[in-house]
Amino acid sequence: MIPGMNPKAMKQAMKKLGLKQEEIEANEVIIKCEDREIVIKNPQVVKMNMMGQDSIQITGDITERDAEVFNEDDIKTIMEQTGCDEETARELLQREGDIAAAILAFERKKE
């Protein structure tokens, strides 16, 4: 919003310009790049449509992390070997860095 402008007047001006705005409720936004992920926590997401063209504006607490280097087969292997659920398998693999270490860490945790 423009500081000092009446919200109702702003809405009318946007309508005249053909700009439609919609807030999207989100807990987290992740943008996946080739080598990293951009994570936006506590996001405020606004979808705008102007003359048939959609765009999204996101603001929030931005951090970056390395992209996941494992795939779904890796997750399935850990689940089969340990009997854990998918979320636990992902967390183990992310923390330990490889399949064998993730399985061993799960086994140590059970003891």
C-alpha atoms as a PDB file:
ATOM      1  CA  MET A   1       0.000   0.000   0.000  1.00  0.00           C
ATOM      2  CA  ILE A   2       0.992   3.584  -0.522  1.00  0.00           C
ATOM      3  CA  PRO A   3       1.523   5.388   2.801  1.00  0.00           C
ATOM      4  CA  GLY A   4      -1.159   7.934   3.614  1.00  0.00           C
ATOM      5  CA  MET A   5      -3.581   6.713   0.920  1.00  0.00           C
ATOM      6  CA  ASN A   6      -7.061   5.679   1.899  1.00  0.00           C
ATOM      7  CA  PRO A   7      -7.364   1.867   1.522  1.00  0.00           C
ATOM      8  CA  LYS A   8     -10.811   2.213  -0.072  1.00  0.00           C
ATOM      9  CA  ALA A   9      -9.479   4.728  -2.629  1.00  0.00           C
ATOM     10  CA  MET A  10      -6.529   2.416  -3.307  1.00  0.00           C
ATOM     11  CA  LYS A  11      -8.895  -0.480  -3.967  1.00  0.00           C
ATOM     12  CA  GLN A  12     -10.960   1.618  -6.383  1.00  0.00           C
ATOM     13  CA  ALA A  13      -7.834   2.786  -8.229  1.00  0.00           C
ATOM     14  CA  MET A  14      -6.641  -0.810  -8.553  1.00  0.00           C
ATOM     15  CA  LYS A  15     -10.044  -1.844  -9.899  1.00  0.00           C
ATOM     16  CA  LYS A  16      -9.905   0.931 -12.528  1.00  0.00           C
ATOM     17  CA  LEU A  17      -6.491  -0.322 -13.633  1.00  0.00           C
ATOM     18  CA  GLY A  18      -7.853  -3.866 -13.925  1.00  0.00           C
ATOM     19  CA  LEU A  19      -5.670  -5.118 -11.075  1.00  0.00           C
ATOM     20  CA  LYS A  20      -7.138  -7.929  -8.992  1.00  0.00           C
ATOM     21  CA  GLN A  21      -5.408  -8.904  -5.769  1.00  0.00           C
ATOM     22  CA  GLU A  22      -5.835 -12.009  -3.626  1.00  0.00           C
ATOM     23  CA  GLU A  23      -4.025 -12.965  -0.417  1.00  0.00           C
ATOM     24  CA  ILE A  24      -2.869 -16.574  -0.178  1.00  0.00           C
ATOM     25  CA  GLU A  25      -2.495 -18.150   3.264  1.00  0.00           C
ATOM     26  CA  ALA A  26       0.850 -19.973   3.514  1.00  0.00           C
ATOM     27  CA  ASN A  27       3.081 -21.249   6.313  1.00  0.00           C
ATOM     28  CA  GLU A  28       6.261 -21.524   4.263  1.00  0.00           C
ATOM     29  CA  VAL A  29       7.354 -20.896   0.661  1.00  0.00           C
ATOM     30  CA  ILE A  30      10.200 -22.873  -0.903  1.00  0.00           C
ATOM     31  CA  ILE A  31      11.784 -21.872  -4.207  1.00  0.00           C
ATOM     32  CA  LYS A  32      13.819 -24.770  -5.587  1.00  0.00           C
ATOM     33  CA  CYS A  33      16.859 -23.859  -7.669  1.00  0.00           C
ATOM     34  CA  GLU A  34      19.381 -26.216  -9.249  1.00  0.00           C
ATOM     35  CA  ASP A  35      21.860 -26.071  -6.360  1.00  0.00           C
ATOM     36  CA  ARG A  36      19.953 -24.442  -3.492  1.00  0.00           C
ATOM     37  CA  GLU A  37      16.555 -23.755  -2.016  1.00  0.00           C
ATOM     38  CA  ILE A  38      15.276 -20.373  -0.943  1.00  0.00           C
ATOM     39  CA  VAL A  39      13.017 -20.777   2.100  1.00  0.00           C
ATOM     40  CA  ILE A  40      10.636 -18.020   3.160  1.00  0.00           C
ATOM     41  CA  LYS A  41       9.168 -18.487   6.631  1.00  0.00           C
ATOM     42  CA  ASN A  42       6.178 -16.486   7.928  1.00  0.00           C
ATOM     43  CA  PRO A  43       5.342 -15.422   4.363  1.00  0.00           C
ATOM     44  CA  GLN A  44       2.807 -12.871   3.247  1.00  0.00           C
ATOM     45  CA  VAL A  45       1.778 -14.006  -0.230  1.00  0.00           C
ATOM     46  CA  VAL A  46      -0.262 -11.853  -2.606  1.00  0.00           C
ATOM     47  CA  LYS A  47      -1.401 -13.050  -6.025  1.00  0.00           C
ATOM     48  CA  MET A  48      -2.089 -10.250  -8.470  1.00  0.00           C
ATOM     49  CA  ASN A  49      -3.757 -10.372 -11.876  1.00  0.00           C
ATOM     50  CA  MET A  50      -3.393  -7.424 -14.195  1.00  0.00           C
ATOM     51  CA  MET A  51      -4.841  -7.664 -17.662  1.00  0.00           C
ATOM     52  CA  GLY A  52      -4.785 -11.476 -17.606  1.00  0.00           C
ATOM     53  CA  GLN A  53      -1.185 -11.739 -16.385  1.00  0.00           C
ATOM     54  CA  ASP A  54      -0.668 -13.372 -12.968  1.00  0.00           C
ATOM     55  CA  SER A  55       2.186 -12.469 -10.634  1.00  0.00           C
ATOM     56  CA  ILE A  56       2.938 -13.345  -7.031  1.00  0.00           C
ATOM     57  CA  GLN A  57       4.581 -11.138  -4.426  1.00  0.00           C
ATOM     58  CA  ILE A  58       6.134 -12.825  -1.393  1.00  0.00           C
ATOM     59  CA  THR A  59       7.585 -11.169   1.689  1.00  0.00           C
ATOM     60  CA  GLY A  60       8.875 -12.839   4.847  1.00  0.00           C
ATOM     61  CA  ASP A  61      11.953 -14.197   6.632  1.00  0.00           C
ATOM     62  CA  ILE A  62      14.282 -15.456   3.877  1.00  0.00           C
ATOM     63  CA  THR A  63      16.980 -18.115   4.306  1.00  0.00           C
ATOM     64  CA  GLU A  64      18.877 -20.315   1.869  1.00  0.00           C
ATOM     65  CA  ARG A  65      19.918 -23.942   2.114  1.00  0.00           C
ATOM     66  CA  ASP A  66      21.601 -26.476  -0.138  1.00  0.00           C
ATOM     67  CA  ALA A  67      19.228 -28.373  -2.396  1.00  0.00           C
ATOM     68  CA  GLU A  68      18.423 -31.952  -1.468  1.00  0.00           C
ATOM     69  CA  VAL A  69      20.818 -34.251  -3.278  1.00  0.00           C
ATOM     70  CA  PHE A  70      18.814 -37.417  -2.633  1.00  0.00           C
ATOM     71  CA  ASN A  71      15.807 -38.805  -4.481  1.00  0.00           C
ATOM     72  CA  GLU A  72      12.596 -40.690  -3.723  1.00  0.00           C
ATOM     73  CA  ASP A  73      14.309 -44.085  -4.147  1.00  0.00           C
ATOM     74  CA  ASP A  74      16.712 -43.142  -1.345  1.00  0.00           C
ATOM     75  CA  ILE A  75      13.755 -42.319   0.916  1.00  0.00           C
ATOM     76  CA  LYS A  76      12.018 -45.612   0.043  1.00  0.00           C
ATOM     77  CA  THR A  77      15.180 -47.591   0.761  1.00  0.00           C
ATOM     78  CA  ILE A  78      15.485 -46.078   4.245  1.00  0.00           C
ATOM     79  CA  MET A  79      11.786 -46.694   4.922  1.00  0.00           C
ATOM     80  CA  GLU A  80      12.093 -50.356   3.833  1.00  0.00           C
ATOM     81  CA  GLN A  81      15.256 -50.985   5.858  1.00  0.00           C
ATOM     82  CA  THR A  82      14.092 -49.295   9.048  1.00  0.00           C
ATOM     83  CA  GLY A  83      10.304 -49.468   8.947  1.00  0.00           C
ATOM     84  CA  CYS A  84      10.072 -45.732   9.651  1.00  0.00           C
ATOM     85  CA  ASP A  85       7.649 -43.309   8.005  1.00  0.00           C
ATOM     86  CA  GLU A  86       8.509 -41.019   5.087  1.00  0.00           C
ATOM     87  CA  GLU A  87       8.951 -37.881   7.193  1.00  0.00           C
ATOM     88  CA  THR A  88      11.401 -39.621   9.528  1.00  0.00           C
ATOM     89  CA  ALA A  89      13.331 -41.061   6.561  1.00  0.00           C
ATOM     90  CA  ARG A  90      13.653 -37.592   4.990  1.00  0.00           C
ATOM     91  CA  GLU A  91      14.830 -36.053   8.263  1.00  0.00           C
ATOM     92  CA  LEU A  92      17.388 -38.829   8.784  1.00  0.00           C
ATOM     93  CA  LEU A  93      18.734 -38.543   5.248  1.00  0.00           C
ATOM     94  CA  GLN A  94      18.939 -34.771   5.429  1.00  0.00           C
ATOM     95  CA  ARG A  95      20.725 -34.850   8.787  1.00  0.00           C
ATOM     96  CA  GLU A  96      23.076 -37.778   8.091  1.00  0.00           C
ATOM     97  CA  GLY A  97      23.826 -37.062   4.436  1.00  0.00           C
ATOM     98  CA  ASP A  98      23.694 -40.596   3.011  1.00  0.00           C
ATOM     99  CA  ILE A  99      21.534 -43.712   3.087  1.00  0.00           C
ATOM    100  CA  ALA A 100      23.816 -45.964   5.140  1.00  0.00           C
ATOM    101  CA  ALA A 101      24.438 -43.347   7.815  1.00  0.00           C
ATOM    102  CA  ALA A 102      20.700 -42.610   8.024  1.00  0.00           C
ATOM    103  CA  ILE A 103      19.857 -46.304   8.544  1.00  0.00           C
ATOM    104  CA  LEU A 104      22.575 -46.696  11.185  1.00  0.00           C
ATOM    105  CA  ALA A 105      21.410 -43.563  12.992  1.00  0.00           C
ATOM    106  CA  PHE A 106      17.859 -44.922  13.102  1.00  0.00           C
ATOM    107  CA  GLU A 107      19.064 -48.269  14.444  1.00  0.00           C
ATOM    108  CA  ARG A 108      21.153 -46.540  17.158  1.00  0.00           C
ATOM    109  CA  LYS A 109      18.156 -44.457  18.135  1.00  0.00           C
ATOM    110  CA  LYS A 110      16.024 -47.622  18.611  1.00  0.00           C
ATOM    111  CA  GLU A 111      18.499 -49.175  21.054  1.00  0.00           C
END
